[in-house]
């Protein structure tokens, strides 16, 4: 298998992994925002409506907590938010690794058109401007 082919396969794998990590990070952030909104509603501060995806994501991550224990819920919000941030940092490092794979295994000058013939002839410069 040629180096370019291995690099392409590896780049696709790294890209899919990075997309998965970013998706998990977004889900954790949505869950943290929903828990924060739920605490705000319980406090009576009316932070806004809860969204269905947020409710769906935060429910399994807070089954051991009661909304009346606001300190514990706020601590869980902080944990979920911090984990979301760390996952995005990991995704950034993975994206950088994918870029490095693409640069190191890519074919130099591929697709630049240097090895192709021109698509149109050179302009005729013998004309004096009349058509």
N, C-alpha and C. Protein backbone atom coordinates (compact mmCIF):
# COMPACT_ATOMS: atom_id res chain seq x y z
N UNK A 1 0.85 -1.17 0.00
CA UNK A 1 0.00 0.00 0.00
C UNK A 1 0.90 1.23 0.00
N UNK A 2 0.56 2.18 -0.83
CA UNK A 2 1.39 3.38 -0.93
C UNK A 2 1.20 4.29 0.28
N UNK A 3 2.19 5.12 0.52
CA UNK A 3 2.17 6.02 1.66
C UNK A 3 0.99 6.98 1.61
N UNK A 4 0.66 7.47 0.41
CA UNK A 4 -0.47 8.39 0.27
C UNK A 4 -1.79 7.71 0.66
N UNK A 5 -1.92 6.45 0.28
CA UNK A 5 -3.14 5.70 0.60
C UNK A 5 -3.25 5.48 2.11
N UNK A 6 -2.16 5.09 2.74
CA UNK A 6 -2.15 4.89 4.19
C UNK A 6 -2.47 6.21 4.89
N UNK A 7 -1.87 7.29 4.40
CA UNK A 7 -2.14 8.60 4.97
C UNK A 7 -3.59 9.01 4.84
N UNK A 8 -4.20 8.72 3.70
CA UNK A 8 -5.61 9.06 3.50
C UNK A 8 -6.51 8.27 4.44
N UNK A 9 -6.24 7.00 4.59
CA UNK A 9 -7.04 6.16 5.49
C UNK A 9 -6.88 6.64 6.92
N UNK A 10 -5.65 6.93 7.31
CA UNK A 10 -5.39 7.41 8.66
C UNK A 10 -6.05 8.77 8.90
N UNK A 11 -6.02 9.63 7.90
CA UNK A 11 -6.64 10.94 8.03
C UNK A 11 -8.15 10.83 8.19
N UNK A 12 -8.78 9.94 7.46
CA UNK A 12 -10.22 9.73 7.61
C UNK A 12 -10.54 9.20 9.01
N UNK A 13 -9.72 8.28 9.50
CA UNK A 13 -9.95 7.73 10.84
C UNK A 13 -9.79 8.80 11.92
N UNK A 14 -8.76 9.63 11.80
CA UNK A 14 -8.54 10.70 12.77
C UNK A 14 -9.69 11.71 12.69
N UNK A 15 -10.14 12.03 11.50
CA UNK A 15 -11.24 12.98 11.33
C UNK A 15 -12.52 12.46 11.99
N UNK A 16 -12.83 11.19 11.79
CA UNK A 16 -14.03 10.62 12.41
C UNK A 16 -13.92 10.61 13.93
N UNK A 17 -12.74 10.30 14.44
CA UNK A 17 -12.54 10.33 15.89
C UNK A 17 -12.70 11.74 16.45
N UNK A 18 -12.14 12.72 15.77
CA UNK A 18 -12.26 14.10 16.22
C UNK A 18 -13.72 14.55 16.19
N UNK A 19 -14.44 14.18 15.16
CA UNK A 19 -15.86 14.54 15.09
C UNK A 19 -16.65 13.88 16.22
N UNK A 20 -16.32 12.64 16.54
CA UNK A 20 -16.99 11.96 17.65
C UNK A 20 -16.71 12.64 18.98
N UNK A 21 -15.46 13.03 19.22
CA UNK A 21 -15.10 13.69 20.46
C UNK A 21 -15.79 15.06 20.57
N UNK A 22 -15.86 15.79 19.47
CA UNK A 22 -16.55 17.08 19.48
C UNK A 22 -18.04 16.88 19.76
N UNK A 23 -18.62 15.82 19.21
CA UNK A 23 -20.04 15.53 19.48
C UNK A 23 -20.29 15.22 20.94
N UNK A 24 -19.43 14.42 21.55
CA UNK A 24 -19.57 14.12 22.97
C UNK A 24 -19.39 15.38 23.81
N UNK A 25 -18.45 16.22 23.42
CA UNK A 25 -18.22 17.47 24.13
C UNK A 25 -19.46 18.37 24.06
N UNK A 26 -20.06 18.46 22.89
CA UNK A 26 -21.28 19.27 22.74
C UNK A 26 -22.42 18.71 23.58
N UNK A 27 -22.52 17.39 23.65
CA UNK A 27 -23.58 16.76 24.44
C UNK A 27 -23.38 17.06 25.93
N UNK A 28 -22.15 16.99 26.41
CA UNK A 28 -21.88 17.30 27.81
C UNK A 28 -22.17 18.76 28.12
N UNK A 29 -21.84 19.63 27.20
CA UNK A 29 -22.11 21.06 27.40
C UNK A 29 -23.61 21.33 27.43
N UNK A 30 -24.35 20.68 26.55
CA UNK A 30 -25.80 20.83 26.53
C UNK A 30 -26.42 20.32 27.83
N UNK A 31 -25.92 19.20 28.33
CA UNK A 31 -26.42 18.65 29.60
C UNK A 31 -26.11 19.59 30.75
N UNK A 32 -24.91 20.16 30.76
CA UNK A 32 -24.54 21.09 31.82
C UNK A 32 -25.41 22.34 31.78
N UNK A 33 -25.66 22.86 30.58
CA UNK A 33 -26.52 24.03 30.45
C UNK A 33 -27.95 23.73 30.91
N UNK A 34 -28.44 22.53 30.61
CA UNK A 34 -29.79 22.17 31.03
C UNK A 34 -29.88 22.05 32.55
N UNK A 35 -28.88 21.42 33.18
CA UNK A 35 -28.89 21.32 34.64
C UNK A 35 -28.81 22.71 35.29
N UNK A 36 -28.03 23.59 34.70
CA UNK A 36 -27.94 24.95 35.21
C UNK A 36 -29.28 25.67 35.08
N UNK A 37 -29.96 25.46 33.97
CA UNK A 37 -31.29 26.04 33.78
C UNK A 37 -32.28 25.47 34.78
N UNK A 38 -32.20 24.18 35.05
CA UNK A 38 -33.11 23.54 36.01
C UNK A 38 -32.91 24.11 37.41
N UNK A 39 -31.66 24.35 37.79
CA UNK A 39 -31.39 24.95 39.10
C UNK A 39 -31.94 26.37 39.14
N UNK A 40 -31.77 27.11 38.04
CA UNK A 40 -32.29 28.47 37.97
C UNK A 40 -33.81 28.51 38.10
N UNK A 41 -34.47 27.55 37.47
CA UNK A 41 -35.94 27.47 37.57
C UNK A 41 -36.34 27.13 39.00
N UNK A 42 -35.61 26.20 39.63
CA UNK A 42 -35.90 25.83 41.02
C UNK A 42 -35.67 27.00 41.98
N UNK A 43 -34.70 27.84 41.67
CA UNK A 43 -34.43 29.02 42.50
C UNK A 43 -35.45 30.13 42.23
N UNK A 44 -36.16 30.05 41.12
CA UNK A 44 -37.13 31.07 40.77
C UNK A 44 -36.55 32.24 40.01
N UNK A 45 -35.35 32.09 39.45
CA UNK A 45 -34.73 33.19 38.73
C UNK A 45 -35.13 33.25 37.26
N UNK A 46 -35.90 32.26 36.77
CA UNK A 46 -36.41 32.22 35.40
C UNK A 46 -35.30 32.43 34.36
N UNK A 47 -34.36 31.49 34.26
CA UNK A 47 -33.26 31.64 33.30
C UNK A 47 -33.66 31.36 31.86
N UNK A 48 -34.84 30.85 31.64
CA UNK A 48 -35.29 30.53 30.29
C UNK A 48 -35.81 29.11 30.23
N UNK A 49 -36.33 28.73 29.09
CA UNK A 49 -36.91 27.38 29.00
C UNK A 49 -35.85 26.31 28.84
N UNK A 50 -36.17 25.12 29.30
CA UNK A 50 -35.30 23.96 29.11
C UNK A 50 -35.62 23.36 27.75
N UNK A 51 -34.59 22.91 27.06
CA UNK A 51 -34.79 22.31 25.73
C UNK A 51 -34.86 20.80 25.86
N UNK A 52 -35.56 20.18 24.95
CA UNK A 52 -35.74 18.73 25.01
C UNK A 52 -34.42 17.96 24.87
N UNK A 53 -33.53 18.33 23.94
CA UNK A 53 -32.26 17.59 23.90
C UNK A 53 -31.47 17.73 25.20
N UNK A 54 -31.51 18.90 25.81
CA UNK A 54 -30.80 19.10 27.06
C UNK A 54 -31.37 18.25 28.18
N UNK A 55 -32.70 18.18 28.24
CA UNK A 55 -33.35 17.36 29.26
C UNK A 55 -33.00 15.89 29.06
N UNK A 56 -33.04 15.47 27.80
CA UNK A 56 -32.76 14.07 27.47
C UNK A 56 -31.31 13.71 27.83
N UNK A 57 -30.39 14.64 27.62
CA UNK A 57 -28.97 14.36 27.89
C UNK A 57 -28.62 14.49 29.38
N UNK A 58 -29.26 15.42 30.07
CA UNK A 58 -28.89 15.65 31.47
C UNK A 58 -29.53 14.63 32.42
N UNK A 59 -30.63 14.03 32.02
CA UNK A 59 -31.32 13.09 32.91
C UNK A 59 -30.43 11.91 33.32
N UNK A 60 -29.77 11.21 32.40
CA UNK A 60 -28.93 10.08 32.85
C UNK A 60 -27.67 10.52 33.59
N UNK A 61 -27.27 11.77 33.41
CA UNK A 61 -26.04 12.24 34.06
C UNK A 61 -26.30 12.82 35.45
N UNK A 62 -27.56 12.87 35.84
CA UNK A 62 -27.88 13.43 37.16
C UNK A 62 -28.90 12.59 37.92
N UNK A 63 -28.94 11.29 37.64
CA UNK A 63 -29.91 10.43 38.32
C UNK A 63 -29.64 10.30 39.81
N UNK A 64 -28.41 10.49 40.24
CA UNK A 64 -28.08 10.36 41.65
C UNK A 64 -28.28 11.65 42.44
N UNK A 65 -28.75 12.71 41.76
CA UNK A 65 -28.92 14.00 42.42
C UNK A 65 -30.39 14.39 42.48
N UNK A 66 -30.72 15.15 43.50
CA UNK A 66 -32.05 15.73 43.62
C UNK A 66 -31.94 17.21 43.28
N UNK A 67 -32.92 17.74 42.56
CA UNK A 67 -32.87 19.15 42.18
C UNK A 67 -32.92 20.06 43.41
N UNK A 68 -33.42 19.53 44.52
CA UNK A 68 -33.45 20.32 45.75
C UNK A 68 -32.06 20.50 46.37
N UNK A 69 -31.13 19.61 46.01
CA UNK A 69 -29.74 19.74 46.48
C UNK A 69 -28.98 20.58 45.46
N UNK A 70 -29.21 21.88 45.53
CA UNK A 70 -28.68 22.79 44.52
C UNK A 70 -27.16 22.85 44.49
N UNK A 71 -26.53 22.68 45.64
CA UNK A 71 -25.06 22.71 45.71
C UNK A 71 -24.48 21.54 44.93
N UNK A 72 -25.05 20.37 45.11
CA UNK A 72 -24.55 19.19 44.39
C UNK A 72 -24.82 19.30 42.90
N UNK A 73 -25.97 19.85 42.52
CA UNK A 73 -26.28 20.00 41.10
C UNK A 73 -25.34 21.02 40.46
N UNK A 74 -25.07 22.10 41.18
CA UNK A 74 -24.13 23.10 40.63
C UNK A 74 -22.72 22.51 40.50
N UNK A 75 -22.34 21.65 41.45
CA UNK A 75 -21.04 20.98 41.35
C UNK A 75 -21.01 20.06 40.12
N UNK A 76 -22.12 19.37 39.85
CA UNK A 76 -22.19 18.49 38.67
C UNK A 76 -22.14 19.33 37.39
N UNK A 77 -22.78 20.49 37.41
CA UNK A 77 -22.71 21.39 36.24
C UNK A 77 -21.26 21.77 35.98
N UNK A 78 -20.52 22.09 37.03
CA UNK A 78 -19.11 22.43 36.87
C UNK A 78 -18.29 21.27 36.34
N UNK A 79 -18.58 20.08 36.82
CA UNK A 79 -17.85 18.89 36.35
C UNK A 79 -18.12 18.63 34.87
N UNK A 80 -19.40 18.68 34.49
CA UNK A 80 -19.75 18.42 33.09
C UNK A 80 -19.16 19.47 32.16
N UNK A 81 -19.21 20.72 32.60
CA UNK A 81 -18.65 21.79 31.78
C UNK A 81 -17.14 21.65 31.64
N UNK A 82 -16.46 21.31 32.73
CA UNK A 82 -15.00 21.13 32.66
C UNK A 82 -14.63 19.95 31.78
N UNK A 83 -15.37 18.85 31.87
CA UNK A 83 -15.08 17.70 31.01
C UNK A 83 -15.33 18.03 29.55
N UNK A 84 -16.36 18.82 29.29
CA UNK A 84 -16.63 19.24 27.92
C UNK A 84 -15.46 20.06 27.37
N UNK A 85 -14.95 20.97 28.19
CA UNK A 85 -13.81 21.79 27.76
C UNK A 85 -12.57 20.93 27.52
N UNK A 86 -12.31 19.95 28.39
CA UNK A 86 -11.14 19.09 28.21
C UNK A 86 -11.27 18.26 26.93
N UNK A 87 -12.48 17.80 26.65
CA UNK A 87 -12.68 17.02 25.42
C UNK A 87 -12.44 17.87 24.18
N UNK A 88 -12.84 19.13 24.23
CA UNK A 88 -12.57 20.00 23.08
C UNK A 88 -11.08 20.24 22.90
N UNK A 89 -10.35 20.32 24.00
CA UNK A 89 -8.90 20.44 23.90
C UNK A 89 -8.29 19.19 23.26
N UNK A 90 -8.79 18.03 23.64
CA UNK A 90 -8.31 16.77 23.05
C UNK A 90 -8.64 16.74 21.56
N UNK A 91 -9.82 17.23 21.20
CA UNK A 91 -10.20 17.27 19.79
C UNK A 91 -9.28 18.19 19.00
N UNK A 92 -8.87 19.29 19.61
CA UNK A 92 -7.93 20.18 18.95
C UNK A 92 -6.58 19.51 18.71
N UNK A 93 -6.11 18.77 19.69
CA UNK A 93 -4.85 18.04 19.52
C UNK A 93 -4.99 16.96 18.45
N UNK A 94 -6.14 16.29 18.43
CA UNK A 94 -6.38 15.27 17.39
C UNK A 94 -6.45 15.88 16.01
N UNK A 95 -7.08 17.04 15.90
CA UNK A 95 -7.14 17.72 14.61
C UNK A 95 -5.75 18.13 14.14
N UNK A 96 -4.92 18.57 15.07
CA UNK A 96 -3.54 18.92 14.73
C UNK A 96 -2.77 17.69 14.27
N UNK A 97 -3.00 16.56 14.91
CA UNK A 97 -2.35 15.32 14.49
C UNK A 97 -2.82 14.92 13.09
N UNK A 98 -4.11 15.09 12.82
CA UNK A 98 -4.62 14.79 11.48
C UNK A 98 -4.00 15.69 10.42
N UNK A 99 -3.82 16.95 10.76
CA UNK A 99 -3.17 17.88 9.82
C UNK A 99 -1.74 17.46 9.57
N UNK A 100 -1.06 17.04 10.61
CA UNK A 100 0.32 16.58 10.47
C UNK A 100 0.39 15.33 9.58
N UNK A 101 -0.55 14.41 9.76
CA UNK A 101 -0.61 13.22 8.91
C UNK A 101 -0.84 13.62 7.46
N UNK A 102 -1.74 14.56 7.23
CA UNK A 102 -2.03 14.99 5.87
C UNK A 102 -0.81 15.64 5.22
N UNK A 103 -0.09 16.44 5.97
CA UNK A 103 1.08 17.12 5.42
C UNK A 103 2.21 16.14 5.15
N UNK A 104 2.43 15.21 6.07
CA UNK A 104 3.57 14.29 5.92
C UNK A 104 3.33 13.20 4.89
N UNK A 105 2.09 12.81 4.67
CA UNK A 105 1.84 11.71 3.74
C UNK A 105 1.24 12.16 2.42
N UNK A 106 0.97 13.44 2.28
CA UNK A 106 0.37 13.93 1.04
C UNK A 106 1.37 13.97 -0.09
N UNK A 107 0.85 13.92 -1.31
CA UNK A 107 1.69 13.98 -2.49
C UNK A 107 1.99 15.43 -2.80
N UNK A 108 3.24 15.77 -2.91
CA UNK A 108 3.62 17.16 -3.17
C UNK A 108 3.13 17.60 -4.53
N UNK A 109 2.47 18.73 -4.58
CA UNK A 109 2.02 19.28 -5.85
C UNK A 109 0.81 18.61 -6.43
N UNK A 110 0.12 17.77 -5.69
CA UNK A 110 -1.05 17.08 -6.23
C UNK A 110 -2.18 18.07 -6.45
N UNK A 111 -2.73 18.06 -7.63
CA UNK A 111 -3.88 18.89 -7.94
C UNK A 111 -3.55 20.34 -8.24
N UNK A 112 -2.28 20.69 -8.39
CA UNK A 112 -1.94 22.08 -8.66
C UNK A 112 -2.04 22.41 -10.13
N UNK A 113 -2.07 21.40 -10.97
CA UNK A 113 -2.23 21.64 -12.39
C UNK A 113 -0.93 21.95 -13.11
N UNK A 114 0.18 21.81 -12.48
CA UNK A 114 1.47 22.11 -13.11
C UNK A 114 1.83 21.11 -14.20
N UNK A 115 1.34 19.89 -14.06
CA UNK A 115 1.70 18.85 -15.01
C UNK A 115 0.68 18.73 -16.14
N UNK A 116 -0.32 19.60 -16.18
CA UNK A 116 -1.34 19.54 -17.23
C UNK A 116 -1.08 20.58 -18.30
N UNK A 117 -1.61 20.34 -19.48
CA UNK A 117 -1.53 21.31 -20.55
C UNK A 117 -2.50 22.45 -20.27
N UNK A 118 -2.22 23.64 -20.79
CA UNK A 118 -3.16 24.73 -20.58
C UNK A 118 -4.50 24.42 -21.27
N UNK A 119 -5.59 24.87 -20.68
CA UNK A 119 -6.90 24.57 -21.23
C UNK A 119 -7.27 25.47 -22.39
N UNK A 120 -6.58 26.59 -22.57
CA UNK A 120 -6.85 27.48 -23.70
C UNK A 120 -5.52 27.98 -24.24
N UNK A 121 -5.46 28.30 -25.50
CA UNK A 121 -4.20 28.77 -26.07
C UNK A 121 -3.85 30.16 -25.51
N UNK A 122 -2.59 30.50 -25.64
CA UNK A 122 -2.14 31.81 -25.18
C UNK A 122 -2.84 32.89 -25.99
N UNK A 123 -3.00 34.06 -25.41
CA UNK A 123 -3.69 35.17 -26.08
C UNK A 123 -2.88 35.64 -27.29
N UNK A 124 -3.60 36.06 -28.33
CA UNK A 124 -2.96 36.61 -29.52
C UNK A 124 -2.66 38.08 -29.24
N UNK A 125 -1.37 38.41 -29.17
CA UNK A 125 -0.97 39.78 -28.86
C UNK A 125 -0.66 40.60 -30.10
N UNK A 126 -0.86 40.02 -31.29
CA UNK A 126 -0.56 40.74 -32.52
C UNK A 126 -1.71 41.67 -32.90
N UNK A 127 -2.83 41.61 -32.26
CA UNK A 127 -3.97 42.46 -32.58
C UNK A 127 -3.72 43.87 -32.08
N UNK A 128 -4.27 44.85 -32.80
CA UNK A 128 -4.08 46.24 -32.39
C UNK A 128 -5.28 46.76 -31.59
N UNK A 129 -6.13 45.87 -31.15
CA UNK A 129 -7.26 46.25 -30.32
C UNK A 129 -8.58 46.20 -31.06
N UNK A 130 -8.58 45.99 -32.35
CA UNK A 130 -9.84 45.88 -33.09
C UNK A 130 -10.33 44.46 -33.03
N UNK A 131 -11.62 44.33 -33.10
CA UNK A 131 -12.21 43.00 -33.02
C UNK A 131 -12.54 42.51 -34.40
